[in-house]
C-alpha atoms as a PDB file:
ATOM      1  CA  MET A   1     121.760  93.838 110.605  1.00  0.00           C
ATOM      2  CA  SER A   2     122.747  95.729 107.623  1.00  0.00           C
ATOM      3  CA  VAL A   3     125.272  94.320 105.256  1.00  0.00           C
ATOM      4  CA  LYS A   4     123.702  95.560 102.167  1.00  0.00           C
ATOM      5  CA  PHE A   5     124.299  98.166  99.512  1.00  0.00           C
ATOM      6  CA  GLN A   6     121.063 100.003  98.784  1.00  0.00           C
ATOM      7  CA  GLN A   7     120.140 102.101  95.771  1.00  0.00           C
ATOM      8  CA  GLU A   8     117.237 104.435  96.463  1.00  0.00           C
ATOM      9  CA  THR A   9     116.730 106.005  93.039  1.00  0.00           C
ATOM     10  CA  ILE A  10     113.494 104.660  91.593  1.00  0.00           C
ATOM     11  CA  ARG A  11     113.724 104.221  87.859  1.00  0.00           C
ATOM     12  CA  ASP A  12     112.008 102.004  85.332  1.00  0.00           C
ATOM     13  CA  THR A  13     115.253 100.597  83.891  1.00  0.00           C
ATOM     14  CA  ALA A  14     115.078  97.059  82.530  1.00  0.00           C
ATOM     15  CA  ALA A  15     117.877  94.602  83.287  1.00  0.00           C
ATOM     16  CA  LYS A  16     120.077  93.823  80.291  1.00  0.00           C
ATOM     17  CA  GLY A  17     122.447  90.991  79.418  1.00  0.00           C
ATOM     18  CA  GLY A  18     122.956  87.628  81.123  1.00  0.00           C
ATOM     19  CA  ASN A  19     121.262  84.347  80.584  1.00  0.00           C
ATOM     20  CA  GLU A  20     117.532  83.917  80.054  1.00  0.00           C
ATOM     21  CA  LEU A  21     116.919  82.347  83.463  1.00  0.00           C
ATOM     22  CA  ALA A  22     118.419  85.272  85.346  1.00  0.00           C
ATOM     23  CA  GLN A  23     116.585  87.712  83.081  1.00  0.00           C
ATOM     24  CA  SER A  24     113.292  85.980  83.797  1.00  0.00           C
ATOM     25  CA  ALA A  25     113.954  86.069  87.550  1.00  0.00           C
ATOM     26  CA  GLY A  26     114.760  89.759  87.378  1.00  0.00           C
ATOM     27  CA  ALA A  27     111.658  90.520  85.341  1.00  0.00           C
ATOM     28  CA  ALA A  28     109.477  88.591  87.778  1.00  0.00           C
ATOM     29  CA  LEU A  29     110.919  90.396  90.800  1.00  0.00           C
ATOM     30  CA  ALA A  30     110.569  93.745  89.104  1.00  0.00           C
ATOM     31  CA  GLY A  31     106.953  93.243  88.226  1.00  0.00           C
ATOM     32  CA  LYS A  32     107.888  94.305  84.727  1.00  0.00           C
ATOM     33  CA  ALA A  33     104.301  94.320  83.508  1.00  0.00           C
ATOM     34  CA  VAL A  34     103.594  97.125  86.016  1.00  0.00           C
ATOM     35  CA  LYS A  35     100.460  95.361  87.235  1.00  0.00           C
ATOM     36  CA  PRO A  36      98.886  96.516  90.502  1.00  0.00           C
ATOM     37  CA  GLY A  37     100.183  94.362  93.328  1.00  0.00           C
ATOM     38  CA  TYR A  38     102.141  94.220  96.547  1.00  0.00           C
ATOM     39  CA  LEU A  39     105.508  94.955  94.944  1.00  0.00           C
ATOM     40  CA  ALA A  40     104.152  97.923  92.967  1.00  0.00           C
ATOM     41  CA  ALA A  41     102.493  99.314  96.091  1.00  0.00           C
ATOM     42  CA  TYR A  42     105.673  98.808  98.109  1.00  0.00           C
ATOM     43  CA  LEU A  43     107.841 100.552  95.506  1.00  0.00           C
ATOM     44  CA  GLN A  44     105.387 103.426  95.386  1.00  0.00           C
ATOM     45  CA  GLN A  45     105.575 103.821  99.176  1.00  0.00           C
ATOM     46  CA  LEU A  46     109.350 103.537  99.049  1.00  0.00           C
ATOM     47  CA  GLN A  47     109.497 106.409  96.598  1.00  0.00           C
ATOM     48  CA  ALA A  48     106.972 108.573  98.415  1.00  0.00           C
ATOM     49  CA  HIS A  49     108.049 107.828 102.002  1.00  0.00           C
ATOM     50  CA  PRO A  50     111.529 106.224 101.877  1.00  0.00           C
ATOM     51  CA  LEU A  51     112.522 106.421 105.551  1.00  0.00           C
ATOM     52  CA  ARG A  52     109.139 105.398 106.937  1.00  0.00           C
ATOM     53  CA  THR A  53     108.892 102.469 104.535  1.00  0.00           C
ATOM     54  CA  LYS A  54     112.408 101.304 105.382  1.00  0.00           C
ATOM     55  CA  MET A  55     111.686 101.533 109.115  1.00  0.00           C
ATOM     56  CA  ILE A  56     108.550  99.409 108.808  1.00  0.00           C
ATOM     57  CA  THR A  57     110.315  96.904 106.550  1.00  0.00           C
ATOM     58  CA  SER A  58     113.435  96.634 108.692  1.00  0.00           C
ATOM     59  CA  GLY A  59     111.446  96.327 111.912  1.00  0.00           C
ATOM     60  CA  THR A  60     109.273  93.554 110.492  1.00  0.00           C
ATOM     61  CA  LEU A  61     112.183  91.622 108.993  1.00  0.00           C
ATOM     62  CA  SER A  62     114.343  91.971 112.125  1.00  0.00           C
ATOM     63  CA  GLY A  63     111.584  90.593 114.352  1.00  0.00           C
ATOM     64  CA  ALA A  64     110.906  87.744 111.905  1.00  0.00           C
ATOM     65  CA  GLN A  65     114.633  87.058 111.672  1.00  0.00           C
ATOM     66  CA  GLU A  66     114.919  86.623 115.445  1.00  0.00           C
ATOM     67  CA  PHE A  67     111.916  84.288 115.566  1.00  0.00           C
ATOM     68  CA  LEU A  68     113.171  82.176 112.653  1.00  0.00           C
ATOM     69  CA  ALA A  69     116.711  81.980 114.066  1.00  0.00           C
ATOM     70  CA  SER A  70     115.309  80.824 117.436  1.00  0.00           C
ATOM     71  CA  TRP A  71     113.330  78.111 115.663  1.00  0.00           C
ATOM     72  CA  ILE A  72     116.357  76.944 113.673  1.00  0.00           C
ATOM     73  CA  ALA A  73     118.588  76.870 116.770  1.00  0.00           C
ATOM     74  CA  HIS A  74     115.847  75.400 119.032  1.00  0.00           C
ATOM     75  CA  ASP A  75     116.284  78.345 121.394  1.00  0.00           C
ATOM     76  CA  ARG A  76     113.119  78.459 123.524  1.00  0.00           C
ATOM     77  CA  ASN A  77     112.209  80.631 126.486  1.00  0.00           C
ATOM     78  CA  LYS A  78     111.343  79.206 129.900  1.00  0.00           C
ATOM     79  CA  HIS A  79     107.785  78.545 128.709  1.00  0.00           C
ATOM     80  CA  GLY A  80     109.010  76.540 125.728  1.00  0.00           C
ATOM     81  CA  HIS A  81     108.133  79.169 123.106  1.00  0.00           C
ATOM     82  CA  TYR A  82     110.259  80.503 120.252  1.00  0.00           C
ATOM     83  CA  PHE A  83     108.636  83.938 120.505  1.00  0.00           C
ATOM     84  CA  THR A  84     111.008  85.299 123.142  1.00  0.00           C
ATOM     85  CA  ALA A  85     111.418  88.811 124.512  1.00  0.00           C
ATOM     86  CA  ARG A  86     114.131  89.365 121.926  1.00  0.00           C
ATOM     87  CA  VAL A  87     111.665  89.349 119.026  1.00  0.00           C
ATOM     88  CA  PRO A  88     110.068  92.748 119.800  1.00  0.00           C
ATOM     89  CA  LYS A  89     113.466  94.114 120.847  1.00  0.00           C
ATOM     90  CA  MET A  90     114.921  93.128 117.486  1.00  0.00           C
ATOM     91  CA  ALA A  91     111.939  94.728 115.748  1.00  0.00           C
ATOM     92  CA  ILE A  92     112.636  97.965 117.633  1.00  0.00           C
ATOM     93  CA  TYR A  93     116.316  97.767 116.675  1.00  0.00           C
ATOM     94  CA  GLY A  94     115.459  97.238 113.020  1.00  0.00           C
ATOM     95  CA  ALA A  95     112.950 100.080 112.870  1.00  0.00           C
ATOM     96  CA  PHE A  96     114.668 102.742 114.963  1.00  0.00           C
ATOM     97  CA  ILE A  97     118.377 102.004 114.632  1.00  0.00           C
ATOM     98  CA  SER A  98     119.213  99.897 111.599  1.00  0.00           C
ATOM     99  CA  ALA A  99     116.851 101.537 109.079  1.00  0.00           C
ATOM    100  CA  PRO A 100     117.629 105.205 109.911  1.00  0.00           C
ATOM    101  CA  LEU A 101     121.370 104.486 110.100  1.00  0.00           C
ATOM    102  CA  GLY A 102     121.390 102.741 106.727  1.00  0.00           C
ATOM    103  CA  HIS A 103     119.217 105.462 105.196  1.00  0.00           C
ATOM    104  CA  VAL A 104     121.608 108.221 106.261  1.00  0.00           C
ATOM    105  CA  LEU A 105     124.845 106.409 105.374  1.00  0.00           C
ATOM    106  CA  ILE A 106     123.655 105.286 101.954  1.00  0.00           C
ATOM    107  CA  SER A 107     122.267 108.754 101.209  1.00  0.00           C
ATOM    108  CA  ILE A 108     125.700 110.217 101.933  1.00  0.00           C
ATOM    109  CA  LEU A 109     127.357 107.593  99.756  1.00  0.00           C
ATOM    110  CA  GLN A 110     124.993 108.305  96.871  1.00  0.00           C
ATOM    111  CA  LYS A 111     125.598 112.055  97.105  1.00  0.00           C
ATOM    112  CA  LEU A 112     129.355 111.496  97.011  1.00  0.00           C
ATOM    113  CA  PHE A 113     129.070 109.496  93.787  1.00  0.00           C
ATOM    114  CA  SER A 114     126.114 111.281  92.227  1.00  0.00           C
ATOM    115  CA  GLY A 115     126.485 111.532  88.440  1.00  0.00           C
ATOM    116  CA  ARG A 116     129.668 109.443  88.380  1.00  0.00           C
ATOM    117  CA  LYS A 117     129.042 106.509  86.048  1.00  0.00           C
ATOM    118  CA  SER A 118     132.551 105.417  85.085  1.00  0.00           C
ATOM    119  CA  LEU A 119     133.881 101.948  85.932  1.00  0.00           C
ATOM    120  CA  LYS A 120     136.441 103.528  88.251  1.00  0.00           C
ATOM    121  CA  ALA A 121     133.699 105.380  90.125  1.00  0.00           C
ATOM    122  CA  LYS A 122     131.606 102.216  90.489  1.00  0.00           C
ATOM    123  CA  ILE A 123     134.566 100.267  91.876  1.00  0.00           C
ATOM    124  CA  LEU A 124     135.413 103.094  94.265  1.00  0.00           C
ATOM    125  CA  GLN A 125     131.800 103.234  95.406  1.00  0.00           C
ATOM    126  CA  ILE A 126     131.844  99.504  96.192  1.00  0.00           C
ATOM    127  CA  LEU A 127     135.118  99.905  98.116  1.00  0.00           C
ATOM    128  CA  VAL A 128     133.769 102.803 100.180  1.00  0.00           C
ATOM    129  CA  SER A 129     130.616 100.826 100.901  1.00  0.00           C
ATOM    130  CA  ASN A 130     132.545  97.761 102.094  1.00  0.00           C
ATOM    131  CA  LEU A 131     135.396  99.541 103.904  1.00  0.00           C
ATOM    132  CA  VAL A 132     133.501 102.448 105.487  1.00  0.00           C
ATOM    133  CA  ILE A 133     129.730 101.914 105.450  1.00  0.00           C
ATOM    134  CA  SER A 134     129.674  98.215 106.363  1.00  0.00           C
ATOM    135  CA  PRO A 135     132.100  98.497 109.332  1.00  0.00           C
ATOM    136  CA  ILE A 136     129.949 101.262 110.861  1.00  0.00           C
ATOM    137  CA  GLN A 137     126.718  99.322 110.379  1.00  0.00           C
ATOM    138  CA  ASN A 138     128.171  96.041 111.642  1.00  0.00           C
ATOM    139  CA  THR A 139     129.673  97.661 114.740  1.00  0.00           C
ATOM    140  CA  ILE A 140     126.322  99.216 115.660  1.00  0.00           C
ATOM    141  CA  TYR A 141     124.670  95.862 114.965  1.00  0.00           C
ATOM    142  CA  LEU A 142     127.012  93.975 117.315  1.00  0.00           C
ATOM    143  CA  ILE A 143     126.639  96.575 120.069  1.00  0.00           C
ATOM    144  CA  SER A 144     122.851  96.374 119.783  1.00  0.00           C
ATOM    145  CA  MET A 145     122.897  92.576 119.816  1.00  0.00           C
ATOM    146  CA  ALA A 146     125.023  92.540 122.970  1.00  0.00           C
ATOM    147  CA  LEU A 147     122.627  94.897 124.757  1.00  0.00           C
ATOM    148  CA  ILE A 148     119.567  92.954 123.601  1.00  0.00           C
ATOM    149  CA  ALA A 149     121.209  89.714 124.780  1.00  0.00           C
ATOM    150  CA  GLY A 150     121.698  91.148 128.267  1.00  0.00           C
ATOM    151  CA  ALA A 151     125.154  92.753 128.278  1.00  0.00           C
ATOM    152  CA  ARG A 152     125.266  95.546 130.821  1.00  0.00           C
ATOM    153  CA  THR A 153     128.955  96.403 131.169  1.00  0.00           C
ATOM    154  CA  PHE A 154     131.381  98.038 128.778  1.00  0.00           C
ATOM    155  CA  HIS A 155     133.592  94.944 128.960  1.00  0.00           C
ATOM    156  CA  GLN A 156     130.770  92.654 127.833  1.00  0.00           C
ATOM    157  CA  VAL A 157     129.835  94.920 124.926  1.00  0.00           C
ATOM    158  CA  ARG A 158     133.479  95.356 123.914  1.00  0.00           C
ATOM    159  CA  ALA A 159     134.046  91.587 124.039  1.00  0.00           C
ATOM    160  CA  THR A 160     131.010  91.017 121.834  1.00  0.00           C
ATOM    161  CA  VAL A 161     132.199  93.485 119.209  1.00  0.00           C
ATOM    162  CA  LYS A 162     135.763  92.151 119.321  1.00  0.00           C
ATOM    163  CA  ALA A 163     134.643  88.521 118.927  1.00  0.00           C
ATOM    164  CA  GLY A 164     132.069  89.130 116.230  1.00  0.00           C
ATOM    165  CA  PHE A 165     133.446  91.989 114.134  1.00  0.00           C
ATOM    166  CA  MET A 166     135.804  90.170 111.765  1.00  0.00           C
ATOM    167  CA  PRO A 167     133.546  87.125 111.181  1.00  0.00           C
ATOM    168  CA  VAL A 168     130.644  89.436 110.308  1.00  0.00           C
ATOM    169  CA  MET A 169     132.860  91.646 108.130  1.00  0.00           C
ATOM    170  CA  LYS A 170     134.253  88.645 106.250  1.00  0.00           C
ATOM    171  CA  MET A 171     130.722  87.477 105.551  1.00  0.00           C
ATOM    172  CA  SER A 172     129.809  90.986 104.364  1.00  0.00           C
ATOM    173  CA  TRP A 173     132.837  91.177 102.066  1.00  0.00           C
ATOM    174  CA  ILE A 174     131.799  87.897 100.438  1.00  0.00           C
ATOM    175  CA  VAL A 175     128.058  88.438 100.108  1.00  0.00           C
ATOM    176  CA  SER A 176     127.883  92.177  99.382  1.00  0.00           C
ATOM    177  CA  PRO A 177     129.973  92.321  96.160  1.00  0.00           C
ATOM    178  CA  ILE A 178     128.309  89.187  94.761  1.00  0.00           C
ATOM    179  CA  SER A 179     124.768  90.386  95.455  1.00  0.00           C
ATOM    180  CA  LEU A 180     125.587  93.877  94.190  1.00  0.00           C
ATOM    181  CA  ALA A 181     127.073  92.488  90.963  1.00  0.00           C
ATOM    182  CA  PHE A 182     123.955  90.362  90.443  1.00  0.00           C
ATOM    183  CA  ALA A 183     121.686  93.354  91.003  1.00  0.00           C
ATOM    184  CA  GLN A 184     123.707  95.557  88.652  1.00  0.00           C
ATOM    185  CA  LYS A 185     123.530  92.981  85.873  1.00  0.00           C
ATOM    186  CA  PHE A 186     120.058  91.478  86.146  1.00  0.00           C
ATOM    187  CA  LEU A 187     117.703  93.706  88.172  1.00  0.00           C
ATOM    188  CA  PRO A 188     116.100  97.088  87.530  1.00  0.00           C
ATOM    189  CA  GLU A 189     117.271  99.646  90.093  1.00  0.00           C
ATOM    190  CA  GLN A 190     113.703 100.078  91.357  1.00  0.00           C
ATOM    191  CA  THR A 191     113.882  96.580  92.859  1.00  0.00           C
ATOM    192  CA  TRP A 192     117.287  96.916  94.531  1.00  0.00           C
ATOM    193  CA  VAL A 193     115.952  97.921  97.942  1.00  0.00           C
ATOM    194  CA  PRO A 194     113.642  94.878  98.405  1.00  0.00           C
ATOM    195  CA  PHE A 195     116.310  92.628  96.858  1.00  0.00           C
ATOM    196  CA  PHE A 196     118.952  93.687  99.376  1.00  0.00           C
ATOM    197  CA  ASN A 197     116.412  93.510 102.183  1.00  0.00           C
ATOM    198  CA  ILE A 198     115.934  89.831 101.319  1.00  0.00           C
ATOM    199  CA  ILE A 199     119.704  89.248 101.174  1.00  0.00           C
ATOM    200  CA  GLY A 200     120.161  90.989 104.532  1.00  0.00           C
ATOM    201  CA  PHE A 201     117.331  88.967 106.065  1.00  0.00           C
ATOM    202  CA  LEU A 202     118.800  85.634 104.951  1.00  0.00           C
ATOM    203  CA  LEU A 203     122.330  86.544 106.018  1.00  0.00           C
ATOM    204  CA  GLY A 204     121.185  87.925 109.366  1.00  0.00           C
ATOM    205  CA  THR A 205     119.100  84.827 110.072  1.00  0.00           C
ATOM    206  CA  TYR A 206     122.102  82.577 109.375  1.00  0.00           C
ATOM    207  CA  ILE A 207     124.428  84.589 111.643  1.00  0.00           C
ATOM    208  CA  ASN A 208     121.819  84.825 114.407  1.00  0.00           C
ATOM    209  CA  ALA A 209     121.004  81.106 114.322  1.00  0.00           C
ATOM    210  CA  HIS A 210     124.709  80.188 114.296  1.00  0.00           C
ATOM    211  CA  THR A 211     125.327  82.450 117.306  1.00  0.00           C
ATOM    212  CA  LYS A 212     122.390  80.960 119.219  1.00  0.00           C
ATOM    213  CA  LYS A 213     123.651  77.421 118.618  1.00  0.00           C
ATOM    214  CA  LYS A 214     127.096  78.323 119.950  1.00  0.00           C
ATOM    215  CA  ARG A 215     125.590  80.042 122.995  1.00  0.00           C
ATOM    216  CA  LEU A 216     123.361  77.084 123.806  1.00  0.00           C
ATOM    217  CA  ALA A 217     126.294  74.689 123.417  1.00  0.00           C
ATOM    218  CA  ALA A 218     128.351  76.823 125.813  1.00  0.00           C
ATOM    219  CA  LEU A 219     125.525  76.903 128.354  1.00  0.00           C
ATOM    220  CA  ARG A 220     125.179  73.119 128.167  1.00  0.00           C
ATOM    221  CA  LYS A 221     128.905  72.725 128.827  1.00  0.00           C
ATOM    222  CA  LYS A 222     128.653  75.051 131.791  1.00  0.00           C
ATOM    223  CA  HIS A 223     125.582  73.238 133.123  1.00  0.00           C
ATOM    224  CA  TYR A 224     127.389  69.891 133.054  1.00  0.00           C
ATOM    225  CA  GLY A 225     130.397  71.255 134.919  1.00  0.00           C
ATOM    226  CA  ASP A 226     132.682  72.038 131.994  1.00  0.00           C
ATOM    227  CA  GLY A 227     132.810  75.704 132.952  1.00  0.00           C
ATOM    228  CA  ARG A 228     134.023  76.866 129.551  1.00  0.00           C
ATOM    229  CA  GLY A 229     131.302  79.311 128.501  1.00  0.00           C
ATOM    230  CA  GLU A 230     132.106  81.335 125.389  1.00  0.00           C
ATOM    231  CA  SER A 231     131.705  84.836 126.813  1.00  0.00           C
ATOM    232  CA  GLY A 232     131.705  87.923 124.677  1.00  0.00           C
ATOM    233  CA  ARG A 233     129.297  86.878 121.928  1.00  0.00           C
ATOM    234  CA  PRO A 234     125.707  88.041 121.391  1.00  0.00           C
ATOM    235  CA  GLY A 235     123.372  85.981 123.560  1.00  0.00           C
ATOM    236  CA  ASP A 236     125.926  84.849 126.149  1.00  0.00           C
ATOM    237  CA  TYR A 237     124.460  87.031 128.894  1.00  0.00           C
ATOM    238  CA  GLY A 238     121.520  85.786 130.946  1.00  0.00           C
ATOM    239  CA  ARG A 239     119.431  82.664 130.464  1.00  0.00           C
ATOM    240  CA  PRO A 240     118.531  81.404 126.995  1.00  0.00           C
ATOM    241  CA  GLY A 241     115.375  82.839 125.477  1.00  0.00           C
ATOM    242  CA  TYR A 242     114.841  85.356 128.288  1.00  0.00           C
END
């Protein structure tokens, strides 16, 4: 899921201001000494092959997110495993839907505000990101989650989007400005993409695990004759861990 604000320009700009602890964290993440390593290699690939690198990253993180959320929510398949059929499906979503969509939308946003460095422009850029970019990404995310969870009718997909849109947007409106402000103040721009990937991974895992817990609780109620399943949310269609 993408609730992140990415900056693709790769520059060797050191973070300035703030307390020493945050500065140290930013320097560590940035690999400020420019030593050969995984982060340096990743940033090099991100600069040379941005879309391909984002697709691989998003696919890997989306699959890992699904597995971790299943483990947190104790959502096993019929064989008792956490590695369900949704893990590769989420990896496909991350690689072929989420990453290209985010790449295109953020590229458009950057072109619109290219060369505009004023405070007004920065605030407007954040507003456009949260009021235009995020709603598009979150809607596509919810539709994809409904289909992956087993929704096959327009009504089921629509119910999923309707039930999940505002909760996801509220979470985005809280996390996105805070993480963006932190990145602007403490991190070099060359590390923004991996930083927001981490933020998106953590947020997505929380939302996914929370959704799985609610779905499993609804299925337990239905199994014991309560009959009050919470339809219209990702994962409510079909058996758990299919």
